Amino acid sequence: MKLLLLSANTTQSPYPVYPLGLDYIAGIMKPRHEVAILDMNVVGGLDGLEAAVREYGPDVIGLSVRNIDNVDTVATKSFVQGYERIIRVIRGCTKARVVLGGSGFSIFPGELMALLDADFGVVGEGEYLGPLLDALETGNAAVDLPGIVCKGGSVRVPVPWPGSVKRELRPTDARLRFYLERGGMLNLQTKRGCPFGCIYCTYPHIEGHQLRLNPPDEVAKEARELQEMGARYLFITDSAFNADYIHSLAVARAFRRQGLTIPWGAFFAPTCPPEGYYRALAEAGLTHVEFGTETLCDNQLKKYGKPFDRKDLVAAQESAHQAGVHIAHYLLLGGPGEDAQTLEETLDHMEKMEKAAFFIFCGIRIFPHTRLYTLARKEGQIMPDQNLLTPVFYRSKGIGTEEIIAQIQRRARGRMNWVYGDGGEKAERVVSRLHAHGHPGPLWELLLR
């Protein structure tokens, strides 16, 4: 069958993100099926999309729904209307079956199936699209497969993909050049799944709680291939690169054996690291550590279900600092239990931490399939069967959003390294200009000067 994979994500704040998932789907589909990939960042708007669909003539279109909104309480932006416009164009120019997938779809499968009038959906990992195409090829439209949702059918719970995964790396084309010219940032994955129990996170729902580790030598070979294709920076997309310390160190050693010379970064949990951990990673090219910290108050860390306390966090910060890497902490304030005292504790500790950027978000987006969702229902912040495609944020009873933002602004005066949200349009413009002048990577380290 002729399969067209379409990345609908056009968010470029603070920088565009390469659609890694479609490479994995393409890799598992070939050679049984003919596969083409389109990217809405490159195709030339809706008119370009229509022309490309007509020219290719697909039997099936797989539409990747990555994000539902920008999870920002101050300047909330929904992306759903953009997906609706794409579907209207597709339905107007082809009779191909439409299959929805991606992380955003896996969180809201029922709602998006109905809203976008899709034929099928893949809940969880996209590799399940392969068995669906095999079934359709034999004429079986009433499929009953793991991870597959049919129009009008029941919503399935994601099932971790049991087979191997394979990424297709294509020669440099217009899609790849788009990202190489905007920071030179490409990405790779070293494992799937997340063993942690953070109350707000959707990773375990989408990928499962059990870690599934990719062989380090294969990861390193892929990284070297991306470097040879022109990448100047790699970002590892794991939920937390250090969720398995042994495996992540093995990946770093494999990077060195492969002769990887470009810098790379990843998300980390600020758990207490083994001696010399970040130094070993830095020697293998690590330059950016992005900690999913959320709060610097021990009571709040417990309420958020984090796998570390502030003592662990300080140890991770110090280890990374001694290794000479750039450090950023992402904070989620205003969650369950937040009040003036817990906020002050977090802000006090932020002031004491040197050589670190802080990206501060206020209010936590409520997603289904999380413990925060259950708590919000119990507290009456959301109603049973409420459609959460329209963003709803958890609000602490102990302190209001306006007061949190006011306190942040008061304490942040003169601190370039304290940023509310992702920096917004201003940050996007600055990063875009720097990328255009040849500077690679995420560039938030400039806030530390």
Foldseek 3Di string as FASTA:
>chain_A
DEEEEEELDPDQFQHDAAPQQVQFQVFLQPPVYHYDYYYCNQQPPLVSVLVVCLVRVGQEYEYADADQWQFAPPDIDGCVVVLLVNLVSVVVRHPHAYEYEYPVCLQPVVVCCVVSVGAKYFHARPNVVNVVVVCVVVVNSVDDDARMGGRVGDHHFHDADPDDIDGHDDADDSSQVVRCLQFLEHEDEFWAADQAAFQADCRCRRHNNDIDGDQLLVRLVVLVVSVVSRRQEYEYEYPALVSPLVRSLSNLVSNVVSPPDHAYEYEHELAADDPCSLLSNVVSHYAEYEYADAFQAQVVCVVRRGPHHNVSNVNSLVSNVVSVHQAEYEHEPQAEPDAPVRLVNRLVVVVVRARYAYEYHYFRWHTPPGNSVVVCCVVVVDDPPDDCSPTDTDGYPRDGRVVSVVVLVVSCVPQLRYHYHSNPPVSSVVSRVVSNVPNHDPPSSVSND
